[in-house]
Amino acid sequence: KSLSQTIFPLCLTQKSASDYNNFDREFLSEKPKLSYSDKNLIESMDQSAFDGFSFINPKFEQILDK
């Protein structure tokens, strides 16, 4: 069978862009937090994968400025 003929057993539906019904409730109840980032590690990594991205988290910029 080709991929276009394959019947997938699980088809999740999404009613809107803010519909999170397919996510685990425990996961959704966790408070988000920024993970620690080492400035030297970030600077040593190839950032070209992010070319064209225009958003930078302001809290992340504060970490980089330290």
N, C-alpha and C. Protein backbone atom coordinates (compact mmCIF):
# COMPACT_ATOMS: atom_id res chain seq x y z
N LYS A 1 0.83 -1.20 0.00
CA LYS A 1 0.00 0.00 0.00
C LYS A 1 0.87 1.25 0.00
N SER A 2 0.39 2.24 -0.68
CA SER A 2 1.09 3.52 -0.62
C SER A 2 0.61 4.28 0.61
N LEU A 3 1.34 5.31 0.97
CA LEU A 3 0.99 6.09 2.16
C LEU A 3 -0.41 6.70 2.03
N SER A 4 -0.80 7.09 0.83
CA SER A 4 -2.12 7.69 0.63
C SER A 4 -3.25 6.67 0.80
N GLN A 5 -2.93 5.36 0.71
CA GLN A 5 -3.94 4.32 0.87
C GLN A 5 -3.97 3.74 2.28
N THR A 6 -3.03 4.16 3.12
CA THR A 6 -2.93 3.63 4.47
C THR A 6 -4.02 4.22 5.35
N ILE A 7 -4.67 3.37 6.11
CA ILE A 7 -5.69 3.82 7.06
C ILE A 7 -5.03 3.86 8.43
N PHE A 8 -4.99 5.04 9.00
CA PHE A 8 -4.37 5.19 10.31
C PHE A 8 -5.40 4.93 11.39
N PRO A 9 -5.06 4.13 12.40
CA PRO A 9 -6.03 3.74 13.42
C PRO A 9 -6.42 4.86 14.37
N LEU A 10 -5.61 5.90 14.49
CA LEU A 10 -5.90 6.96 15.43
C LEU A 10 -5.90 8.29 14.69
N CYS A 11 -7.03 8.92 14.61
CA CYS A 11 -7.12 10.23 13.98
C CYS A 11 -7.66 11.21 15.01
N LEU A 12 -6.78 12.03 15.53
CA LEU A 12 -7.17 13.01 16.53
C LEU A 12 -7.80 14.21 15.85
N THR A 13 -8.82 14.73 16.47
CA THR A 13 -9.47 15.91 15.92
C THR A 13 -9.17 17.11 16.79
N GLN A 14 -9.15 18.26 16.18
CA GLN A 14 -8.90 19.51 16.88
C GLN A 14 -9.96 20.50 16.43
N LYS A 15 -10.73 21.01 17.39
CA LYS A 15 -11.84 21.91 17.07
C LYS A 15 -11.38 23.32 16.76
N SER A 16 -10.25 23.74 17.37
CA SER A 16 -9.71 25.07 17.14
C SER A 16 -8.22 25.06 17.50
N ALA A 17 -7.56 26.17 17.25
CA ALA A 17 -6.13 26.27 17.55
C ALA A 17 -5.86 26.17 19.04
N SER A 18 -6.86 26.47 19.87
CA SER A 18 -6.66 26.42 21.32
C SER A 18 -7.31 25.18 21.95
N ASP A 19 -7.62 24.18 21.15
CA ASP A 19 -8.23 22.93 21.64
C ASP A 19 -7.12 21.99 22.11
N TYR A 20 -7.05 21.77 23.43
CA TYR A 20 -6.00 20.94 24.01
C TYR A 20 -6.53 19.62 24.54
N ASN A 21 -7.66 19.16 24.05
CA ASN A 21 -8.29 17.94 24.55
C ASN A 21 -7.44 16.68 24.33
N ASN A 22 -6.52 16.71 23.40
CA ASN A 22 -5.69 15.54 23.12
C ASN A 22 -4.45 15.46 24.00
N PHE A 23 -4.24 16.45 24.87
CA PHE A 23 -3.10 16.46 25.76
C PHE A 23 -3.47 15.90 27.12
N ASP A 24 -2.53 15.26 27.76
CA ASP A 24 -2.72 14.70 29.08
C ASP A 24 -3.01 15.81 30.09
N ARG A 25 -4.02 15.63 30.93
CA ARG A 25 -4.42 16.65 31.91
C ARG A 25 -3.30 16.94 32.91
N GLU A 26 -2.57 15.91 33.33
CA GLU A 26 -1.47 16.13 34.28
C GLU A 26 -0.39 17.01 33.65
N PHE A 27 -0.08 16.77 32.39
CA PHE A 27 0.89 17.59 31.67
C PHE A 27 0.43 19.04 31.60
N LEU A 28 -0.84 19.23 31.29
CA LEU A 28 -1.38 20.59 31.17
C LEU A 28 -1.43 21.32 32.50
N SER A 29 -1.49 20.60 33.61
CA SER A 29 -1.60 21.25 34.92
C SER A 29 -0.24 21.68 35.47
N GLU A 30 0.85 21.25 34.85
CA GLU A 30 2.18 21.63 35.33
C GLU A 30 2.48 23.08 34.99
N LYS A 31 3.09 23.78 35.94
CA LYS A 31 3.46 25.17 35.73
C LYS A 31 4.68 25.23 34.80
N PRO A 32 4.63 26.04 33.75
CA PRO A 32 5.78 26.13 32.84
C PRO A 32 6.94 26.84 33.52
N LYS A 33 8.15 26.43 33.18
CA LYS A 33 9.33 27.11 33.72
C LYS A 33 10.45 27.04 32.69
N LEU A 34 11.28 28.06 32.71
CA LEU A 34 12.42 28.09 31.82
C LEU A 34 13.50 27.17 32.35
N SER A 35 14.12 26.44 31.46
CA SER A 35 15.22 25.59 31.89
C SER A 35 16.51 26.43 31.88
N TYR A 36 17.47 26.02 32.68
CA TYR A 36 18.75 26.72 32.75
C TYR A 36 19.49 26.57 31.43
N SER A 37 20.09 27.65 30.97
CA SER A 37 20.87 27.60 29.74
C SER A 37 22.24 28.20 30.00
N ASP A 38 23.26 27.51 29.58
CA ASP A 38 24.63 28.00 29.70
C ASP A 38 24.93 28.90 28.51
N LYS A 39 25.25 30.17 28.79
CA LYS A 39 25.51 31.13 27.72
C LYS A 39 26.60 30.65 26.77
N ASN A 40 27.68 30.09 27.31
CA ASN A 40 28.79 29.61 26.47
C ASN A 40 28.34 28.46 25.57
N LEU A 41 27.50 27.57 26.10
CA LEU A 41 27.00 26.46 25.30
C LEU A 41 26.13 26.97 24.15
N ILE A 42 25.26 27.90 24.46
CA ILE A 42 24.38 28.45 23.41
C ILE A 42 25.20 29.14 22.33
N GLU A 43 26.18 29.92 22.74
CA GLU A 43 27.01 30.64 21.76
C GLU A 43 27.84 29.68 20.90
N SER A 44 28.15 28.49 21.42
CA SER A 44 28.96 27.54 20.66
C SER A 44 28.13 26.72 19.67
N MET A 45 26.81 26.78 19.79
CA MET A 45 25.93 25.99 18.92
C MET A 45 25.62 26.74 17.63
N ASP A 46 25.43 25.98 16.56
CA ASP A 46 25.05 26.55 15.27
C ASP A 46 23.61 27.05 15.36
N GLN A 47 23.42 28.34 15.23
CA GLN A 47 22.09 28.92 15.36
C GLN A 47 21.38 29.10 14.02
N SER A 48 21.99 28.63 12.93
CA SER A 48 21.39 28.81 11.60
C SER A 48 20.04 28.11 11.45
N ALA A 49 19.79 27.10 12.27
CA ALA A 49 18.49 26.41 12.21
C ALA A 49 17.35 27.35 12.60
N PHE A 50 17.69 28.45 13.26
CA PHE A 50 16.68 29.38 13.72
C PHE A 50 16.58 30.62 12.84
N ASP A 51 17.27 30.64 11.71
CA ASP A 51 17.18 31.76 10.78
C ASP A 51 15.72 31.97 10.37
N GLY A 52 15.28 33.21 10.40
CA GLY A 52 13.91 33.52 10.02
C GLY A 52 12.95 33.58 11.20
N PHE A 53 13.37 33.11 12.35
CA PHE A 53 12.53 33.21 13.54
C PHE A 53 12.62 34.64 14.06
N SER A 54 11.49 35.21 14.41
CA SER A 54 11.49 36.60 14.85
C SER A 54 11.19 36.77 16.33
N PHE A 55 10.75 35.71 17.01
CA PHE A 55 10.40 35.84 18.43
C PHE A 55 11.53 35.35 19.32
N ILE A 56 11.88 36.16 20.30
CA ILE A 56 12.83 35.74 21.32
C ILE A 56 12.17 36.05 22.66
N ASN A 57 12.09 35.05 23.51
CA ASN A 57 11.50 35.21 24.83
C ASN A 57 12.30 36.27 25.59
N PRO A 58 11.65 37.33 26.09
CA PRO A 58 12.37 38.38 26.83
C PRO A 58 13.14 37.83 28.03
N LYS A 59 12.60 36.83 28.70
CA LYS A 59 13.31 36.24 29.84
C LYS A 59 14.58 35.54 29.37
N PHE A 60 14.54 34.95 28.20
CA PHE A 60 15.71 34.28 27.64
C PHE A 60 16.79 35.31 27.30
N GLU A 61 16.38 36.47 26.77
CA GLU A 61 17.35 37.53 26.47
C GLU A 61 18.06 37.99 27.73
N GLN A 62 17.33 38.06 28.85
CA GLN A 62 17.93 38.45 30.12
C GLN A 62 18.98 37.43 30.55
N ILE A 63 18.72 36.18 30.32
CA ILE A 63 19.69 35.12 30.67
C ILE A 63 20.95 35.27 29.82
N LEU A 64 20.77 35.54 28.54
CA LEU A 64 21.93 35.68 27.65
C LEU A 64 22.77 36.91 27.98
N ASP A 65 22.13 37.96 28.49
CA ASP A 65 22.85 39.18 28.82
C ASP A 65 23.71 39.05 30.07
N LYS A 66 23.49 38.01 30.86
CA LYS A 66 24.25 37.84 32.12
C LYS A 66 25.67 37.42 31.84
